[in-house]
Protein backbone atom coordinates (compact mmCIF):
# COMPACT_ATOMS: atom_id res chain seq x y z
CA MET A 1 11.93 12.11 10.06
CA ILE A 2 10.50 9.47 12.37
CA SER A 3 7.08 8.59 13.70
CA PRO A 4 7.23 8.61 17.52
CA TYR A 5 4.10 6.44 17.55
CA VAL A 6 5.72 3.75 15.43
CA ARG A 7 8.97 3.94 17.37
CA ARG A 8 6.94 3.41 20.54
CA LEU A 9 5.46 0.26 19.00
CA ARG A 10 8.95 -0.86 18.00
CA LEU A 11 10.31 -0.18 21.50
CA ALA A 12 7.51 -2.23 23.03
CA ALA A 13 8.31 -5.15 20.72
CA GLU A 14 12.04 -4.95 21.53
CA LEU A 15 11.37 -4.97 25.29
CA ARG A 16 8.97 -7.92 25.03
CA ALA A 17 11.56 -9.84 23.02
CA LEU A 18 14.32 -9.10 25.54
CA ARG A 19 12.25 -10.28 28.50
CA THR A 20 11.13 -13.42 26.66
CA GLN A 21 14.69 -14.27 25.60
CA ALA A 22 15.84 -13.83 29.21
CA GLY A 23 13.12 -16.18 30.43
CA VAL A 24 11.76 -13.85 33.11
CA THR A 25 8.20 -12.86 33.93
CA HIS A 26 6.74 -9.37 34.21
CA VAL A 27 6.82 -9.70 38.00
CA GLN A 28 10.45 -10.86 38.07
CA LEU A 29 11.59 -8.07 35.77
CA ALA A 30 9.68 -5.50 37.81
CA LYS A 31 11.50 -6.61 40.97
CA MET A 32 14.85 -6.52 39.17
CA ILE A 33 14.47 -2.82 38.32
CA GLY A 34 12.43 -1.73 41.35
CA GLN A 35 9.26 -1.01 39.41
CA SER A 36 5.69 -2.30 39.36
CA ARG A 37 4.42 -5.11 37.17
CA ALA A 38 1.93 -2.62 35.69
CA GLN A 39 4.78 -0.36 34.54
CA ILE A 40 6.48 -3.25 32.75
CA SER A 41 3.19 -4.04 31.02
CA ARG A 42 2.74 -0.39 30.00
CA LEU A 43 6.24 -0.30 28.53
CA GLU A 44 5.72 -3.57 26.65
CA ASN A 45 2.33 -2.42 25.32
CA GLY A 46 3.70 0.88 24.07
CA HIS A 47 1.50 2.90 26.41
CA VAL A 48 4.40 4.79 28.03
CA VAL A 49 8.00 5.69 27.21
CA ASP A 50 10.38 6.02 30.17
CA GLN A 51 14.01 6.11 29.12
CA ASP A 52 15.24 5.60 32.70
CA ASP A 53 13.21 2.41 33.07
CA VAL A 54 14.33 1.20 29.64
CA MET A 55 17.96 1.71 30.65
CA LYS A 56 17.39 -0.20 33.90
CA ILE A 57 15.82 -3.08 31.96
CA LEU A 58 18.76 -3.23 29.56
CA ASP A 59 21.24 -3.22 32.45
CA ALA A 60 19.28 -5.83 34.42
CA LEU A 61 19.14 -8.17 31.42
CA GLY A 62 22.79 -7.69 30.52
CA VAL A 63 22.22 -5.93 27.21
CA ASP A 64 25.20 -3.95 25.99
CA ASP A 65 27.14 -2.67 22.99
CA GLU A 66 25.25 -2.23 19.70
CA ARG A 67 21.93 -3.61 20.90
CA TRP A 68 21.98 -1.29 23.94
CA THR A 69 22.66 1.69 21.69
CA LYS A 70 19.97 0.69 19.21
CA ILE A 71 17.25 0.23 21.82
CA MET A 72 18.11 3.44 23.66
CA THR A 73 18.01 5.31 20.34
CA ILE A 74 14.55 3.88 19.69
CA ALA A 75 13.48 4.90 23.21
CA ARG A 76 14.71 8.46 22.66
CA GLU A 77 12.91 8.73 19.32
CA ALA A 78 9.75 7.22 20.81
CA GLY A 79 9.64 10.07 23.30
CA GLU A 80 10.02 12.87 20.76
CA ARG A 81 7.23 15.36 20.13
CA GLY A 82 6.09 16.05 16.57
CA TRP A 83 4.84 19.30 15.06
CA TRP A 84 1.24 18.15 15.60
CA GLU A 85 1.76 18.34 19.37
CA SER A 86 1.68 22.15 19.13
CA ASN A 87 -1.77 22.03 17.51
CA ARG A 88 -3.82 20.37 20.25
CA PHE A 89 -7.13 21.30 18.63
CA MET A 90 -6.59 19.73 15.22
CA GLY A 91 -8.32 16.61 16.61
CA GLU A 92 -6.87 13.41 18.06
CA ARG A 93 -7.71 11.36 15.00
CA GLN A 94 -5.93 13.72 12.63
CA ALA A 95 -2.94 13.91 14.99
CA LEU A 96 -2.59 10.12 14.82
CA TYR A 97 -2.41 10.22 11.03
CA ALA A 98 0.09 13.09 11.14
CA ASN A 99 2.25 11.00 13.47
CA LEU A 100 2.17 7.95 11.18
CA GLU A 101 2.83 10.03 8.07
CA ALA A 102 5.83 11.77 9.64
CA GLY A 103 8.10 8.75 9.39
CA ALA A 104 6.49 6.83 6.53
CA SER A 105 8.39 5.84 3.41
CA THR A 106 5.22 4.72 1.61
CA ILE A 107 1.54 5.45 2.16
CA ARG A 108 -1.19 3.48 0.42
CA GLU A 109 -4.77 4.48 1.05
CA PHE A 110 -8.29 3.46 0.06
CA GLN A 111 -11.12 5.93 0.50
CA MET A 112 -14.68 4.86 -0.17
CA THR A 113 -16.69 7.87 1.06
CA PHE A 114 -14.63 11.09 1.06
CA ILE A 115 -11.76 12.77 -0.73
CA PRO A 116 -8.56 11.79 1.16
CA GLY A 117 -7.38 14.36 3.67
CA LEU A 118 -3.91 14.59 2.11
CA LEU A 119 -5.54 15.86 -1.10
CA GLN A 120 -8.22 18.14 0.35
CA THR A 121 -8.38 21.88 -0.26
CA PRO A 122 -8.87 24.08 2.83
CA GLU A 123 -12.41 24.90 1.65
CA PHE A 124 -13.30 21.24 1.33
CA THR A 125 -11.85 20.52 4.77
CA ARG A 126 -13.94 23.31 6.28
CA ALA A 127 -17.09 21.97 4.63
CA ARG A 128 -16.43 18.48 5.95
CA GLY A 129 -15.60 19.87 9.39
CA GLU A 130 -18.93 21.67 9.55
CA ALA A 131 -20.71 18.47 8.53
CA ASP A 132 -18.84 16.48 11.18
CA ARG A 133 -19.76 18.95 13.91
CA LEU A 134 -23.43 18.69 12.96
CA SER A 135 -23.19 14.91 13.25
CA GLY A 136 -21.69 15.11 16.75
CA ALA A 137 -18.05 14.40 15.94
CA GLY A 138 -15.37 14.69 18.62
CA GLN A 139 -13.94 17.94 19.92
CA PHE A 140 -11.80 19.91 17.49
CA HIS A 141 -11.36 23.51 16.41
CA LEU A 142 -12.30 23.86 12.75
CA GLU A 143 -9.57 26.31 11.74
CA LYS A 144 -7.00 24.33 13.73
CA ALA A 145 -8.15 21.21 11.89
CA VAL A 146 -7.61 23.03 8.59
CA GLU A 147 -4.13 24.11 9.73
CA GLY A 148 -3.37 20.52 10.70
CA ARG A 149 -4.47 19.24 7.32
CA LEU A 150 -2.22 21.76 5.56
CA GLY A 151 0.67 20.76 7.82
CA ARG A 152 0.22 17.12 6.88
CA GLN A 153 0.20 18.02 3.19
CA ARG A 154 3.45 19.99 3.57
CA MET A 155 5.05 16.96 5.22
CA LEU A 156 3.98 14.83 2.25
CA ARG A 157 5.80 17.21 -0.11
CA ARG A 158 8.99 17.48 1.96
CA PRO A 159 12.31 16.28 0.51
CA GLY A 160 12.60 12.61 1.27
CA GLY A 161 8.88 12.40 1.98
CA PRO A 162 6.84 9.27 1.31
CA THR A 163 5.36 8.08 -1.92
CA TYR A 164 1.58 8.30 -1.79
CA GLU A 165 -0.75 5.99 -3.66
CA VAL A 166 -4.49 6.30 -3.19
CA VAL A 167 -7.52 4.50 -4.61
CA ILE A 168 -10.75 6.50 -4.37
CA ASP A 169 -14.12 4.87 -4.83
CA GLU A 170 -16.11 6.52 -7.60
CA LEU A 171 -18.91 7.07 -5.09
CA ALA A 172 -16.65 9.45 -3.17
CA VAL A 173 -16.15 11.44 -6.36
CA ARG A 174 -19.77 11.58 -7.49
CA ARG A 175 -21.75 11.70 -4.24
CA PRO A 176 -21.96 15.32 -2.98
CA SER A 177 -20.06 15.72 0.30
CA ALA A 178 -19.52 19.50 0.10
CA PRO A 179 -21.19 22.46 -1.72
CA PRO A 180 -20.99 22.21 -5.54
CA GLU A 181 -18.38 24.93 -6.15
CA THR A 182 -16.22 23.56 -3.34
CA THR A 183 -16.42 20.07 -4.78
CA LYS A 184 -15.65 21.31 -8.28
CA ALA A 185 -12.54 23.15 -7.13
CA GLN A 186 -11.53 20.09 -5.09
CA LEU A 187 -11.58 17.77 -8.10
CA TYR A 188 -9.54 20.20 -10.20
CA HIS A 189 -7.09 20.47 -7.29
CA ILE A 190 -6.50 16.71 -7.21
CA ALA A 191 -5.70 16.66 -10.93
CA ALA A 192 -3.25 19.55 -10.51
CA VAL A 193 -1.52 17.92 -7.53
CA VAL A 194 -1.07 14.57 -9.27
CA ASN A 195 0.17 16.18 -12.49
CA GLY A 196 2.68 18.21 -10.49
CA SER A 197 4.21 15.30 -8.55
CA ASP A 198 6.06 12.13 -9.44
CA LYS A 199 5.42 10.70 -5.96
CA ILE A 200 1.61 10.87 -5.86
CA GLU A 201 -0.72 8.53 -7.75
CA VAL A 202 -4.51 8.63 -7.68
CA ARG A 203 -6.73 5.95 -9.11
CA VAL A 204 -10.53 5.85 -9.17
CA LEU A 205 -12.31 2.56 -8.52
CA PRO A 206 -15.32 2.51 -10.87
CA ILE A 207 -18.69 1.62 -9.42
CA GLU A 208 -19.01 -1.25 -11.89
CA ALA A 209 -15.48 -2.55 -11.29
CA GLU A 210 -15.22 -6.26 -10.56
CA ILE A 211 -12.69 -6.78 -7.78
CA GLU A 212 -10.78 -10.05 -7.71
CA GLY A 213 -12.58 -12.52 -5.48
CA TYR A 214 -15.40 -9.97 -5.09
CA ALA A 215 -13.35 -8.57 -2.19
CA VAL A 216 -15.57 -5.53 -1.61
CA PRO A 217 -13.94 -3.47 1.19
CA ARG A 218 -15.89 -2.79 4.38
CA SER A 219 -14.20 0.51 5.28
CA ALA A 220 -11.51 3.02 4.37
CA PHE A 221 -7.95 2.19 5.40
CA SER A 222 -4.34 3.29 5.05
CA ILE A 223 -1.13 1.24 5.00
CA TYR A 224 2.19 2.72 6.15
CA THR A 225 5.70 1.34 5.72
CA PHE A 226 8.83 2.90 7.21
CA HIS A 227 12.50 3.33 6.35
CA ASP A 228 13.73 1.02 9.12
CA PRO A 229 12.84 -2.50 7.89
CA ASP A 230 12.45 -3.64 11.50
CA ASP A 231 9.68 -1.11 12.18
CA PRO A 232 6.23 -2.66 11.83
CA THR A 233 4.02 -2.00 8.83
CA VAL A 234 0.96 -0.20 10.21
CA VAL A 235 -2.62 -0.31 8.99
CA ALA A 236 -5.06 2.37 10.16
CA VAL A 237 -8.72 1.50 9.60
CA ASP A 238 -11.19 4.38 9.51
CA THR A 239 -14.44 3.83 11.43
CA VAL A 240 -17.26 6.22 12.30
CA THR A 241 -16.01 7.09 15.78
CA ASP A 242 -12.40 5.92 15.99
CA ASP A 243 -9.39 4.55 14.11
CA LEU A 244 -8.24 0.97 14.52
CA VAL A 245 -4.44 0.55 14.33
CA LEU A 246 -3.16 -2.88 13.29
CA THR A 247 0.40 -4.22 13.25
CA ASP A 248 -0.16 -7.99 13.44
CA SER A 249 1.52 -9.46 10.35
CA ASP A 250 -1.42 -11.66 9.37
CA GLU A 251 -3.89 -8.77 9.63
CA VAL A 252 -1.56 -6.43 7.76
CA LYS A 253 -1.13 -9.03 5.01
CA ARG A 254 -4.91 -9.15 4.44
CA TYR A 255 -5.07 -5.40 3.95
CA ASP A 256 -2.00 -5.45 1.72
CA GLN A 257 -3.66 -8.04 -0.50
CA LEU A 258 -6.94 -6.12 -0.48
CA PHE A 259 -5.25 -2.91 -1.56
CA GLY A 260 -3.55 -4.75 -4.40
CA ARG A 261 -6.91 -6.05 -5.62
CA LEU A 262 -8.47 -2.60 -5.40
CA ARG A 263 -5.55 -1.05 -7.26
CA ASP A 264 -5.78 -3.67 -10.02
CA ALA A 265 -9.54 -3.07 -10.40
CA ALA A 266 -9.20 0.72 -10.48
CA LEU A 267 -8.71 2.86 -13.57
CA PRO A 268 -5.17 3.79 -14.62
CA VAL A 269 -3.94 7.15 -13.33
CA THR A 270 -4.54 9.01 -16.62
CA ASP A 271 -8.06 7.66 -17.00
CA SER A 272 -8.77 8.42 -13.35
CA LEU A 273 -7.77 12.05 -13.79
CA ASP A 274 -9.94 12.27 -16.91
CA LEU A 275 -12.88 11.01 -14.85
CA LEU A 276 -12.24 13.55 -12.09
CA LEU A 277 -12.08 16.40 -14.61
CA ASP A 278 -15.21 15.20 -16.39
CA VAL A 279 -17.15 15.10 -13.13
CA ALA A 280 -15.87 18.58 -12.25
CA LYS A 281 -16.98 20.00 -15.59
CA ARG A 282 -20.48 18.61 -15.09
CA ILE A 283 -20.97 20.21 -11.68
């Protein structure tokens, strides 16, 4: 499995590197392949994938043999359509996460407000969807969003799927974000999923936990690594209205360090599951 989104980012980086190594400008390269400067910029920013233009660039810059094959393979994969493309109404934000998850080898996530989507029951997802619609969230079809969430969870369980490590703030466990019976069933579900998998770990960050350097996180985020070591590590930061995608190495490093501090401050997996079950019993 691959993530077309990440392959598009990789293709953009490869094309920028080729042009820089050749010592030509956007304008010069555009003239060499009979295209506009804007098209070169779109290709190098990952906004479009045009295999014909990529091939022309490689030919114009004298790229051949293994590097030609590698870059054209990346271009082909960048243009592929994932299963989420057939569910247009699952929501653009969820589709982005499905795309990233498709090719990931590891997923690390911190959630400070809600139960992570990859662990949600359909009933919990519906409850959150109703709440989002009342708050004016973007356009999505509720049942399609539920289908999308289930599709993402199946991809997580697939052979060769990623390892998944999540830290959940205790506030997200204790603060009601769905009807009581739905929340109760949700917490039991998390414990069952973790106990039934050797690739999923859940830790709860206690309210009173002291994080190294008092590095209190400002928002939820996820970190994705991929099987190809040359693909960028991607951080997706969850905001109220959108998701910020980061690939800059310095920015990624900060989130990597932050996740490590949160993980160290969180309860061990066994104690975390005990907390989840205790909260469920008290509901």
